[in-house]
């Protein structure tokens, strides 16, 4: 029993790191623009399809699809923010424009159904020797995709945190998120920062989608599952707190994996959402967030 629980713990940490990476982009977008991108899961689905097509039709190794998916989603994110979301911001000029929330909800439904028309509802996956590779250590087993998901999720998270903390653009993003009006007084173009932030958030989703493909089959609605999980993780970590979001993802992954060994899976899902509601009620800043005045 102990061996089984430790195996579940290891698997939970690996999957949780990927969950945290998926939620990072959502956390960044909310932290800067103060809106929730309801199409977040749909963009993840697009990233998975990009990775699928590159692997299936062009023979790319799954790991080599990561930079291509990241760049593709960065471009999509930049133009989505600049030409679709920014005009709504400029018309409303509100701190939390409701129009953007409604727009991203419509975008979510549209993207899912466009992909349903284009590729059909069937699950699709790519099989390769690498996908089926196993690493044994003592009595425990991890697949190559699980190891890659954990390693690259850690690297991507560390790179994003370092970018936000130590680069000029990163500091401008943080300043805009803290106080848009004060940042504008200092000469920071908030709309340019929004475009960059949204694009970076989707680039992170692109990385996550490429890492997720060897682990889960892709279909037009696969993003809905992970999009909902991302919202839960962002709240648990602390809305707008990028680093804490990653650790909240690991927590959710561990609860999901270890809990599945002790109680029925449906109860595990209920436990995660019960924790989500409890955090919202008793600690709105999140488990790892900091209370702000």
C-alpha atoms as a PDB file:
ATOM      1  CA  UNK A   1       0.000   0.000   0.000  1.00  0.00           C
ATOM      2  CA  UNK A   2       2.820   2.396   0.872  1.00  0.00           C
ATOM      3  CA  UNK A   3       4.503   1.729  -2.479  1.00  0.00           C
ATOM      4  CA  UNK A   4       1.244   2.430  -4.290  1.00  0.00           C
ATOM      5  CA  UNK A   5       0.746   5.732  -2.465  1.00  0.00           C
ATOM      6  CA  UNK A   6       4.313   6.852  -3.145  1.00  0.00           C
ATOM      7  CA  UNK A   7       3.868   5.964  -6.814  1.00  0.00           C
ATOM      8  CA  UNK A   8       0.651   8.001  -6.857  1.00  0.00           C
ATOM      9  CA  UNK A   9       2.444  10.893  -5.144  1.00  0.00           C
ATOM     10  CA  UNK A  10       5.226  10.913  -7.741  1.00  0.00           C
ATOM     11  CA  UNK A  11       2.730  10.750 -10.599  1.00  0.00           C
ATOM     12  CA  UNK A  12       0.656  13.477  -8.959  1.00  0.00           C
ATOM     13  CA  UNK A  13       3.621  15.835  -8.710  1.00  0.00           C
ATOM     14  CA  UNK A  14       4.439  15.254 -12.387  1.00  0.00           C
ATOM     15  CA  UNK A  15       0.887  15.855 -13.585  1.00  0.00           C
ATOM     16  CA  UNK A  16       0.404  18.705 -11.114  1.00  0.00           C
ATOM     17  CA  UNK A  17       3.400  20.568 -12.518  1.00  0.00           C
ATOM     18  CA  UNK A  18       1.731  20.434 -15.935  1.00  0.00           C
ATOM     19  CA  UNK A  19      -1.568  21.599 -14.429  1.00  0.00           C
ATOM     20  CA  UNK A  20       0.288  24.513 -12.886  1.00  0.00           C
ATOM     21  CA  UNK A  21       1.855  25.403 -16.232  1.00  0.00           C
ATOM     22  CA  UNK A  22      -1.553  25.382 -17.913  1.00  0.00           C
ATOM     23  CA  UNK A  23      -2.870  27.772 -15.258  1.00  0.00           C
ATOM     24  CA  UNK A  24       0.123  30.144 -15.422  1.00  0.00           C
ATOM     25  CA  UNK A  25      -1.076  31.913 -18.551  1.00  0.00           C
ATOM     26  CA  UNK A  26      -4.515  32.458 -17.061  1.00  0.00           C
ATOM     27  CA  UNK A  27      -2.978  33.820 -13.873  1.00  0.00           C
ATOM     28  CA  UNK A  28      -0.745  36.226 -15.808  1.00  0.00           C
ATOM     29  CA  UNK A  29      -3.633  37.509 -17.917  1.00  0.00           C
ATOM     30  CA  UNK A  30      -5.823  38.088 -14.892  1.00  0.00           C
ATOM     31  CA  UNK A  31      -3.013  39.664 -12.901  1.00  0.00           C
ATOM     32  CA  UNK A  32      -2.357  42.251 -15.606  1.00  0.00           C
ATOM     33  CA  UNK A  33      -5.737  42.848 -17.271  1.00  0.00           C
ATOM     34  CA  UNK A  34      -8.055  41.918 -14.386  1.00  0.00           C
ATOM     35  CA  UNK A  35     -10.219  39.768 -16.650  1.00  0.00           C
ATOM     36  CA  UNK A  36     -10.794  36.032 -16.866  1.00  0.00           C
ATOM     37  CA  UNK A  37     -10.122  34.508 -20.276  1.00  0.00           C
ATOM     38  CA  UNK A  38     -12.881  31.919 -20.563  1.00  0.00           C
ATOM     39  CA  UNK A  39     -11.380  30.722 -23.862  1.00  0.00           C
ATOM     40  CA  UNK A  40      -8.209  29.605 -22.079  1.00  0.00           C
ATOM     41  CA  UNK A  41      -9.008  25.904 -22.450  1.00  0.00           C
ATOM     42  CA  UNK A  42      -9.848  26.338 -26.132  1.00  0.00           C
ATOM     43  CA  UNK A  43      -6.427  27.836 -26.794  1.00  0.00           C
ATOM     44  CA  UNK A  44      -4.888  24.843 -25.019  1.00  0.00           C
ATOM     45  CA  UNK A  45      -6.852  22.600 -27.353  1.00  0.00           C
ATOM     46  CA  UNK A  46      -5.472  24.516 -30.366  1.00  0.00           C
ATOM     47  CA  UNK A  47      -1.926  24.048 -29.045  1.00  0.00           C
ATOM     48  CA  UNK A  48      -2.515  20.307 -28.733  1.00  0.00           C
ATOM     49  CA  UNK A  49      -3.736  20.159 -32.332  1.00  0.00           C
ATOM     50  CA  UNK A  50      -0.675  22.099 -33.529  1.00  0.00           C
ATOM     51  CA  UNK A  51       1.540  19.539 -31.796  1.00  0.00           C
ATOM     52  CA  UNK A  52      -0.568  16.678 -33.165  1.00  0.00           C
ATOM     53  CA  UNK A  53      -0.305  17.876 -36.767  1.00  0.00           C
ATOM     54  CA  UNK A  54       3.434  18.489 -36.525  1.00  0.00           C
ATOM     55  CA  UNK A  55       4.012  15.012 -35.084  1.00  0.00           C
ATOM     56  CA  UNK A  56       1.600  13.130 -37.312  1.00  0.00           C
ATOM     57  CA  UNK A  57       2.139  14.785 -40.698  1.00  0.00           C
ATOM     58  CA  UNK A  58       5.684  16.170 -40.468  1.00  0.00           C
ATOM     59  CA  UNK A  59       7.336  13.599 -38.235  1.00  0.00           C
ATOM     60  CA  UNK A  60       8.349  15.983 -35.438  1.00  0.00           C
ATOM     61  CA  UNK A  61       9.506  14.470 -32.180  1.00  0.00           C
ATOM     62  CA  UNK A  62       6.936  15.451 -29.508  1.00  0.00           C
ATOM     63  CA  UNK A  63       9.476  17.640 -27.700  1.00  0.00           C
ATOM     64  CA  UNK A  64      10.382  19.470 -30.911  1.00  0.00           C
ATOM     65  CA  UNK A  65       6.791  20.636 -31.265  1.00  0.00           C
ATOM     66  CA  UNK A  66       7.113  22.685 -28.069  1.00  0.00           C
ATOM     67  CA  UNK A  67       8.793  25.802 -29.554  1.00  0.00           C
ATOM     68  CA  UNK A  68       6.562  25.747 -32.640  1.00  0.00           C
ATOM     69  CA  UNK A  69       3.379  25.489 -30.559  1.00  0.00           C
ATOM     70  CA  UNK A  70       4.633  28.243 -28.230  1.00  0.00           C
ATOM     71  CA  UNK A  71       5.394  30.625 -31.112  1.00  0.00           C
ATOM     72  CA  UNK A  72       2.109  29.824 -32.865  1.00  0.00           C
ATOM     73  CA  UNK A  73       0.081  30.523 -29.719  1.00  0.00           C
ATOM     74  CA  UNK A  74       2.110  33.673 -28.994  1.00  0.00           C
ATOM     75  CA  UNK A  75       1.178  35.058 -32.419  1.00  0.00           C
ATOM     76  CA  UNK A  76      -2.452  34.041 -32.034  1.00  0.00           C
ATOM     77  CA  UNK A  77      -2.554  35.633 -28.584  1.00  0.00           C
ATOM     78  CA  UNK A  78      -0.965  38.883 -29.727  1.00  0.00           C
ATOM     79  CA  UNK A  79      -3.394  39.416 -32.581  1.00  0.00           C
ATOM     80  CA  UNK A  80      -6.390  38.256 -30.533  1.00  0.00           C
ATOM     81  CA  UNK A  81      -5.615  40.837 -27.878  1.00  0.00           C
ATOM     82  CA  UNK A  82      -4.725  43.626 -30.308  1.00  0.00           C
ATOM     83  CA  UNK A  83      -7.577  43.316 -32.775  1.00  0.00           C
ATOM     84  CA  UNK A  84     -10.375  41.641 -30.816  1.00  0.00           C
ATOM     85  CA  UNK A  85     -10.016  42.399 -27.104  1.00  0.00           C
ATOM     86  CA  UNK A  86      -8.316  45.820 -27.065  1.00  0.00           C
ATOM     87  CA  UNK A  87     -11.161  47.518 -28.976  1.00  0.00           C
ATOM     88  CA  UNK A  88     -13.550  46.400 -26.234  1.00  0.00           C
ATOM     89  CA  UNK A  89     -11.209  47.792 -23.587  1.00  0.00           C
ATOM     90  CA  UNK A  90     -10.908  51.104 -25.388  1.00  0.00           C
ATOM     91  CA  UNK A  91     -14.662  51.482 -25.705  1.00  0.00           C
ATOM     92  CA  UNK A  92     -15.441  50.626 -22.095  1.00  0.00           C
ATOM     93  CA  UNK A  93     -12.295  52.044 -20.445  1.00  0.00           C
ATOM     94  CA  UNK A  94     -13.243  50.213 -17.271  1.00  0.00           C
ATOM     95  CA  UNK A  95     -11.092  48.489 -14.712  1.00  0.00           C
ATOM     96  CA  UNK A  96     -12.930  45.211 -15.223  1.00  0.00           C
ATOM     97  CA  UNK A  97     -14.808  45.439 -18.544  1.00  0.00           C
ATOM     98  CA  UNK A  98     -17.705  43.000 -18.602  1.00  0.00           C
ATOM     99  CA  UNK A  99     -17.656  43.050 -22.403  1.00  0.00           C
ATOM    100  CA  UNK A 100     -14.326  41.206 -22.436  1.00  0.00           C
ATOM    101  CA  UNK A 101     -15.707  38.426 -20.243  1.00  0.00           C
ATOM    102  CA  UNK A 102     -18.675  38.010 -22.559  1.00  0.00           C
ATOM    103  CA  UNK A 103     -16.401  38.105 -25.608  1.00  0.00           C
ATOM    104  CA  UNK A 104     -14.025  35.402 -24.323  1.00  0.00           C
ATOM    105  CA  UNK A 105     -17.016  33.223 -23.445  1.00  0.00           C
ATOM    106  CA  UNK A 106     -18.239  33.528 -27.033  1.00  0.00           C
ATOM    107  CA  UNK A 107     -14.716  32.898 -28.317  1.00  0.00           C
ATOM    108  CA  UNK A 108     -14.526  29.721 -26.241  1.00  0.00           C
ATOM    109  CA  UNK A 109     -17.761  28.352 -27.732  1.00  0.00           C
ATOM    110  CA  UNK A 110     -16.826  29.426 -31.260  1.00  0.00           C
ATOM    111  CA  UNK A 111     -13.342  27.858 -31.227  1.00  0.00           C
ATOM    112  CA  UNK A 112     -14.600  24.559 -29.843  1.00  0.00           C
ATOM    113  CA  UNK A 113     -17.334  24.274 -32.434  1.00  0.00           C
ATOM    114  CA  UNK A 114     -15.169  25.414 -35.345  1.00  0.00           C
ATOM    115  CA  UNK A 115     -12.703  22.649 -34.493  1.00  0.00           C
ATOM    116  CA  UNK A 116     -15.601  20.207 -34.167  1.00  0.00           C
ATOM    117  CA  UNK A 117     -16.657  21.075 -37.730  1.00  0.00           C
ATOM    118  CA  UNK A 118     -13.074  20.939 -39.009  1.00  0.00           C
ATOM    119  CA  UNK A 119     -11.807  17.697 -37.450  1.00  0.00           C
ATOM    120  CA  UNK A 120     -14.807  15.893 -35.991  1.00  0.00           C
ATOM    121  CA  UNK A 121     -15.477  14.716 -32.423  1.00  0.00           C
ATOM    122  CA  UNK A 122     -13.139  11.695 -32.349  1.00  0.00           C
ATOM    123  CA  UNK A 123     -10.194  11.469 -29.974  1.00  0.00           C
ATOM    124  CA  UNK A 124      -6.857  11.765 -31.759  1.00  0.00           C
ATOM    125  CA  UNK A 125      -3.379  10.896 -30.545  1.00  0.00           C
ATOM    126  CA  UNK A 126       0.115  10.183 -31.795  1.00  0.00           C
ATOM    127  CA  UNK A 127       1.893   6.988 -30.818  1.00  0.00           C
ATOM    128  CA  UNK A 128       5.661   6.668 -30.793  1.00  0.00           C
ATOM    129  CA  UNK A 129       8.333   4.684 -29.034  1.00  0.00           C
ATOM    130  CA  UNK A 130       9.183   7.747 -26.952  1.00  0.00           C
ATOM    131  CA  UNK A 131       5.576   8.134 -25.779  1.00  0.00           C
ATOM    132  CA  UNK A 132       5.629   4.555 -24.491  1.00  0.00           C
ATOM    133  CA  UNK A 133       9.066   4.785 -22.869  1.00  0.00           C
ATOM    134  CA  UNK A 134       9.338   3.967 -19.165  1.00  0.00           C
ATOM    135  CA  UNK A 135      11.885   4.931 -16.532  1.00  0.00           C
ATOM    136  CA  UNK A 136      12.232   2.558 -13.579  1.00  0.00           C
ATOM    137  CA  UNK A 137      13.768   3.590 -10.273  1.00  0.00           C
ATOM    138  CA  UNK A 138      13.483   1.184  -7.382  1.00  0.00           C
ATOM    139  CA  UNK A 139       9.831   0.088  -7.251  1.00  0.00           C
ATOM    140  CA  UNK A 140       8.505   3.160  -9.041  1.00  0.00           C
ATOM    141  CA  UNK A 141       7.779   3.956 -12.673  1.00  0.00           C
ATOM    142  CA  UNK A 142       7.440   7.166 -14.682  1.00  0.00           C
ATOM    143  CA  UNK A 143       6.816   7.480 -18.395  1.00  0.00           C
ATOM    144  CA  UNK A 144       9.035   9.652 -20.564  1.00  0.00           C
ATOM    145  CA  UNK A 145       6.156  12.090 -21.247  1.00  0.00           C
ATOM    146  CA  UNK A 146       5.555  12.466 -17.505  1.00  0.00           C
ATOM    147  CA  UNK A 147       9.226  13.244 -16.896  1.00  0.00           C
ATOM    148  CA  UNK A 148       9.293  15.717 -19.797  1.00  0.00           C
ATOM    149  CA  UNK A 149       6.106  17.373 -18.549  1.00  0.00           C
ATOM    150  CA  UNK A 150       7.580  17.898 -15.082  1.00  0.00           C
ATOM    151  CA  UNK A 151      11.009  19.096 -16.261  1.00  0.00           C
ATOM    152  CA  UNK A 152       9.775  21.471 -18.948  1.00  0.00           C
ATOM    153  CA  UNK A 153       6.984  22.800 -16.725  1.00  0.00           C
ATOM    154  CA  UNK A 154       9.561  23.688 -14.067  1.00  0.00           C
ATOM    155  CA  UNK A 155      11.854  25.299 -16.643  1.00  0.00           C
ATOM    156  CA  UNK A 156       9.039  27.304 -18.262  1.00  0.00           C
ATOM    157  CA  UNK A 157       7.743  28.496 -14.881  1.00  0.00           C
ATOM    158  CA  UNK A 158      11.196  29.547 -13.695  1.00  0.00           C
ATOM    159  CA  UNK A 159      11.835  31.341 -16.999  1.00  0.00           C
ATOM    160  CA  UNK A 160       8.542  33.237 -16.769  1.00  0.00           C
ATOM    161  CA  UNK A 161       9.126  34.275 -13.155  1.00  0.00           C
ATOM    162  CA  UNK A 162      12.664  35.431 -14.023  1.00  0.00           C
ATOM    163  CA  UNK A 163      11.352  37.337 -17.048  1.00  0.00           C
ATOM    164  CA  UNK A 164       8.754  39.166 -14.951  1.00  0.00           C
ATOM    165  CA  UNK A 165      11.226  39.941 -12.190  1.00  0.00           C
ATOM    166  CA  UNK A 166      14.429  40.868 -13.986  1.00  0.00           C
ATOM    167  CA  UNK A 167      13.603  42.264 -17.436  1.00  0.00           C
ATOM    168  CA  UNK A 168      12.413  45.757 -18.290  1.00  0.00           C
ATOM    169  CA  UNK A 169       9.331  44.431 -20.067  1.00  0.00           C
ATOM    170  CA  UNK A 170       8.590  42.089 -17.177  1.00  0.00           C
ATOM    171  CA  UNK A 171       8.742  44.941 -14.673  1.00  0.00           C
ATOM    172  CA  UNK A 172       6.449  46.996 -16.918  1.00  0.00           C
ATOM    173  CA  UNK A 173       3.986  44.099 -16.949  1.00  0.00           C
ATOM    174  CA  UNK A 174       4.056  43.885 -13.155  1.00  0.00           C
ATOM    175  CA  UNK A 175       3.682  47.642 -12.784  1.00  0.00           C
ATOM    176  CA  UNK A 176       0.687  47.691 -15.115  1.00  0.00           C
ATOM    177  CA  UNK A 177      -0.913  44.860 -13.193  1.00  0.00           C
ATOM    178  CA  UNK A 178      -0.434  46.662  -9.888  1.00  0.00           C
ATOM    179  CA  UNK A 179      -1.719  50.075 -11.025  1.00  0.00           C
ATOM    180  CA  UNK A 180      -2.561  50.766 -14.651  1.00  0.00           C
ATOM    181  CA  UNK A 181      -3.059  54.519 -14.152  1.00  0.00           C
ATOM    182  CA  UNK A 182       0.241  55.003 -12.303  1.00  0.00           C
ATOM    183  CA  UNK A 183       2.065  52.951 -14.936  1.00  0.00           C
ATOM    184  CA  UNK A 184       0.592  55.144 -17.672  1.00  0.00           C
ATOM    185  CA  UNK A 185       1.857  58.251 -15.876  1.00  0.00           C
ATOM    186  CA  UNK A 186       5.352  56.714 -15.971  1.00  0.00           C
ATOM    187  CA  UNK A 187       5.108  56.346 -19.748  1.00  0.00           C
ATOM    188  CA  UNK A 188       4.074  52.689 -19.962  1.00  0.00           C
ATOM    189  CA  UNK A 189       1.624  51.987 -22.764  1.00  0.00           C
ATOM    190  CA  UNK A 190      -0.912  49.761 -21.032  1.00  0.00           C
ATOM    191  CA  UNK A 191      -2.427  48.452 -24.264  1.00  0.00           C
ATOM    192  CA  UNK A 192       0.976  47.336 -25.552  1.00  0.00           C
ATOM    193  CA  UNK A 193       1.567  45.607 -22.223  1.00  0.00           C
ATOM    194  CA  UNK A 194      -1.818  43.900 -22.491  1.00  0.00           C
ATOM    195  CA  UNK A 195      -0.926  42.573 -25.932  1.00  0.00           C
ATOM    196  CA  UNK A 196       2.422  41.229 -24.770  1.00  0.00           C
ATOM    197  CA  UNK A 197       0.953  39.743 -21.584  1.00  0.00           C
ATOM    198  CA  UNK A 198      -1.865  37.977 -23.390  1.00  0.00           C
ATOM    199  CA  UNK A 199       0.575  36.645 -25.988  1.00  0.00           C
ATOM    200  CA  UNK A 200       2.992  35.377 -23.326  1.00  0.00           C
ATOM    201  CA  UNK A 201       0.108  33.740 -21.484  1.00  0.00           C
ATOM    202  CA  UNK A 202      -0.868  31.840 -24.628  1.00  0.00           C
ATOM    203  CA  UNK A 203       2.762  30.968 -25.415  1.00  0.00           C
ATOM    204  CA  UNK A 204       2.869  29.214 -22.036  1.00  0.00           C
ATOM    205  CA  UNK A 205      -0.345  27.416 -23.003  1.00  0.00           C
ATOM    206  CA  UNK A 206       1.367  26.400 -26.243  1.00  0.00           C
ATOM    207  CA  UNK A 207       4.164  24.745 -24.262  1.00  0.00           C
ATOM    208  CA  UNK A 208       1.638  23.027 -22.006  1.00  0.00           C
ATOM    209  CA  UNK A 209      -0.394  21.768 -24.969  1.00  0.00           C
ATOM    210  CA  UNK A 210       2.638  20.178 -26.604  1.00  0.00           C
ATOM    211  CA  UNK A 211       3.586  18.488 -23.311  1.00  0.00           C
ATOM    212  CA  UNK A 212       0.015  17.331 -22.738  1.00  0.00           C
ATOM    213  CA  UNK A 213      -0.496  15.641 -26.120  1.00  0.00           C
ATOM    214  CA  UNK A 214       1.542  12.459 -25.353  1.00  0.00           C
ATOM    215  CA  UNK A 215      -0.427  12.055 -22.117  1.00  0.00           C
ATOM    216  CA  UNK A 216      -3.992  12.745 -23.246  1.00  0.00           C
ATOM    217  CA  UNK A 217      -5.854  12.286 -26.544  1.00  0.00           C
ATOM    218  CA  UNK A 218      -7.030  15.515 -28.149  1.00  0.00           C
ATOM    219  CA  UNK A 219     -10.528  16.394 -29.335  1.00  0.00           C
ATOM    220  CA  UNK A 220     -12.320  19.732 -29.854  1.00  0.00           C
ATOM    221  CA  UNK A 221     -13.566  19.801 -26.254  1.00  0.00           C
ATOM    222  CA  UNK A 222     -10.503  18.561 -24.377  1.00  0.00           C
ATOM    223  CA  UNK A 223      -9.624  22.117 -23.366  1.00  0.00           C
ATOM    224  CA  UNK A 224     -12.842  22.495 -21.385  1.00  0.00           C
ATOM    225  CA  UNK A 225     -11.627  19.959 -18.817  1.00  0.00           C
ATOM    226  CA  UNK A 226      -8.252  21.587 -18.321  1.00  0.00           C
ATOM    227  CA  UNK A 227      -9.615  25.119 -18.597  1.00  0.00           C
ATOM    228  CA  UNK A 228     -11.914  24.491 -15.648  1.00  0.00           C
ATOM    229  CA  UNK A 229      -9.059  22.924 -13.714  1.00  0.00           C
ATOM    230  CA  UNK A 230      -6.939  26.012 -14.477  1.00  0.00           C
ATOM    231  CA  UNK A 231      -9.546  28.327 -12.907  1.00  0.00           C
ATOM    232  CA  UNK A 232      -9.519  26.234  -9.730  1.00  0.00           C
ATOM    233  CA  UNK A 233      -5.709  26.286  -9.581  1.00  0.00           C
ATOM    234  CA  UNK A 234      -5.484  30.044 -10.124  1.00  0.00           C
ATOM    235  CA  UNK A 235      -7.861  30.660  -7.210  1.00  0.00           C
ATOM    236  CA  UNK A 236      -6.031  28.191  -4.957  1.00  0.00           C
ATOM    237  CA  UNK A 237      -2.660  29.728  -5.713  1.00  0.00           C
ATOM    238  CA  UNK A 238      -3.802  33.315  -5.461  1.00  0.00           C
ATOM    239  CA  UNK A 239      -5.271  35.247  -8.359  1.00  0.00           C
ATOM    240  CA  UNK A 240      -2.513  37.024 -10.271  1.00  0.00           C
ATOM    241  CA  UNK A 241       0.296  35.254  -8.385  1.00  0.00           C
ATOM    242  CA  UNK A 242       2.252  33.446 -11.103  1.00  0.00           C
ATOM    243  CA  UNK A 243       4.724  31.502  -8.961  1.00  0.00           C
ATOM    244  CA  UNK A 244       2.093  30.413  -6.422  1.00  0.00           C
ATOM    245  CA  UNK A 245      -0.124  29.151  -9.236  1.00  0.00           C
ATOM    246  CA  UNK A 246       2.494  26.551 -10.156  1.00  0.00           C
ATOM    247  CA  UNK A 247       2.601  25.135  -6.623  1.00  0.00           C
ATOM    248  CA  UNK A 248      -1.197  25.098  -6.474  1.00  0.00           C
ATOM    249  CA  UNK A 249      -1.146  23.007  -9.642  1.00  0.00           C
ATOM    250  CA  UNK A 250       1.131  20.473  -7.964  1.00  0.00           C
ATOM    251  CA  UNK A 251      -1.200  20.405  -4.952  1.00  0.00           C
ATOM    252  CA  UNK A 252      -4.193  19.647  -7.172  1.00  0.00           C
ATOM    253  CA  UNK A 253      -2.236  16.965  -9.033  1.00  0.00           C
ATOM    254  CA  UNK A 254      -1.270  15.263  -5.764  1.00  0.00           C
ATOM    255  CA  UNK A 255      -4.829  15.395  -4.404  1.00  0.00           C
ATOM    256  CA  UNK A 256      -6.130  13.947  -7.653  1.00  0.00           C
ATOM    257  CA  UNK A 257      -3.562  11.142  -7.839  1.00  0.00           C
ATOM    258  CA  UNK A 258      -3.216  10.136  -4.177  1.00  0.00           C
ATOM    259  CA  UNK A 259      -6.899  10.710  -3.454  1.00  0.00           C
ATOM    260  CA  UNK A 260      -7.791   8.389  -6.325  1.00  0.00           C
ATOM    261  CA  UNK A 261      -6.015   5.575  -4.460  1.00  0.00           C
ATOM    262  CA  UNK A 262      -7.946   6.148  -1.243  1.00  0.00           C
ATOM    263  CA  UNK A 263     -11.436   7.213  -2.326  1.00  0.00           C
ATOM    264  CA  UNK A 264     -13.530   6.963  -5.505  1.00  0.00           C
ATOM    265  CA  UNK A 265     -12.463   9.292  -8.321  1.00  0.00           C
ATOM    266  CA  UNK A 266     -15.745  11.220  -8.209  1.00  0.00           C
ATOM    267  CA  UNK A 267     -15.133  11.956  -4.534  1.00  0.00           C
ATOM    268  CA  UNK A 268     -11.644  13.178  -5.377  1.00  0.00           C
ATOM    269  CA  UNK A 269     -13.094  15.699  -7.835  1.00  0.00           C
ATOM    270  CA  UNK A 270     -15.591  16.766  -5.187  1.00  0.00           C
ATOM    271  CA  UNK A 271     -12.732  17.205  -2.682  1.00  0.00           C
ATOM    272  CA  UNK A 272     -10.820  19.478  -5.081  1.00  0.00           C
ATOM    273  CA  UNK A 273     -13.850  21.692  -5.643  1.00  0.00           C
ATOM    274  CA  UNK A 274     -14.675  21.703  -1.927  1.00  0.00           C
ATOM    275  CA  UNK A 275     -11.157  23.007  -1.293  1.00  0.00           C
ATOM    276  CA  UNK A 276     -11.704  25.571  -4.056  1.00  0.00           C
ATOM    277  CA  UNK A 277     -14.904  26.849  -2.415  1.00  0.00           C
ATOM    278  CA  UNK A 278     -13.330  26.877   1.044  1.00  0.00           C
ATOM    279  CA  UNK A 279     -10.405  28.970  -0.202  1.00  0.00           C
ATOM    280  CA  UNK A 280     -12.778  31.406  -1.895  1.00  0.00           C
ATOM    281  CA  UNK A 281     -14.737  31.765   1.327  1.00  0.00           C
ATOM    282  CA  UNK A 282     -12.029  31.808   3.988  1.00  0.00           C
ATOM    283  CA  UNK A 283      -8.925  33.024   2.113  1.00  0.00           C
ATOM    284  CA  UNK A 284      -9.779  34.822  -1.158  1.00  0.00           C
ATOM    285  CA  UNK A 285      -6.105  35.709  -1.683  1.00  0.00           C
ATOM    286  CA  UNK A 286      -5.355  31.995  -2.179  1.00  0.00           C
ATOM    287  CA  UNK A 287      -3.427  29.400  -0.226  1.00  0.00           C
ATOM    288  CA  UNK A 288      -0.072  30.857  -1.274  1.00  0.00           C
ATOM    289  CA  UNK A 289      -1.155  34.423  -2.036  1.00  0.00           C
ATOM    290  CA  UNK A 290      -0.548  37.545  -0.001  1.00  0.00           C
ATOM    291  CA  UNK A 291      -3.312  39.718   1.354  1.00  0.00           C
ATOM    292  CA  UNK A 292      -3.369  43.124  -0.322  1.00  0.00           C
ATOM    293  CA  UNK A 293      -4.853  46.316   1.000  1.00  0.00           C
END
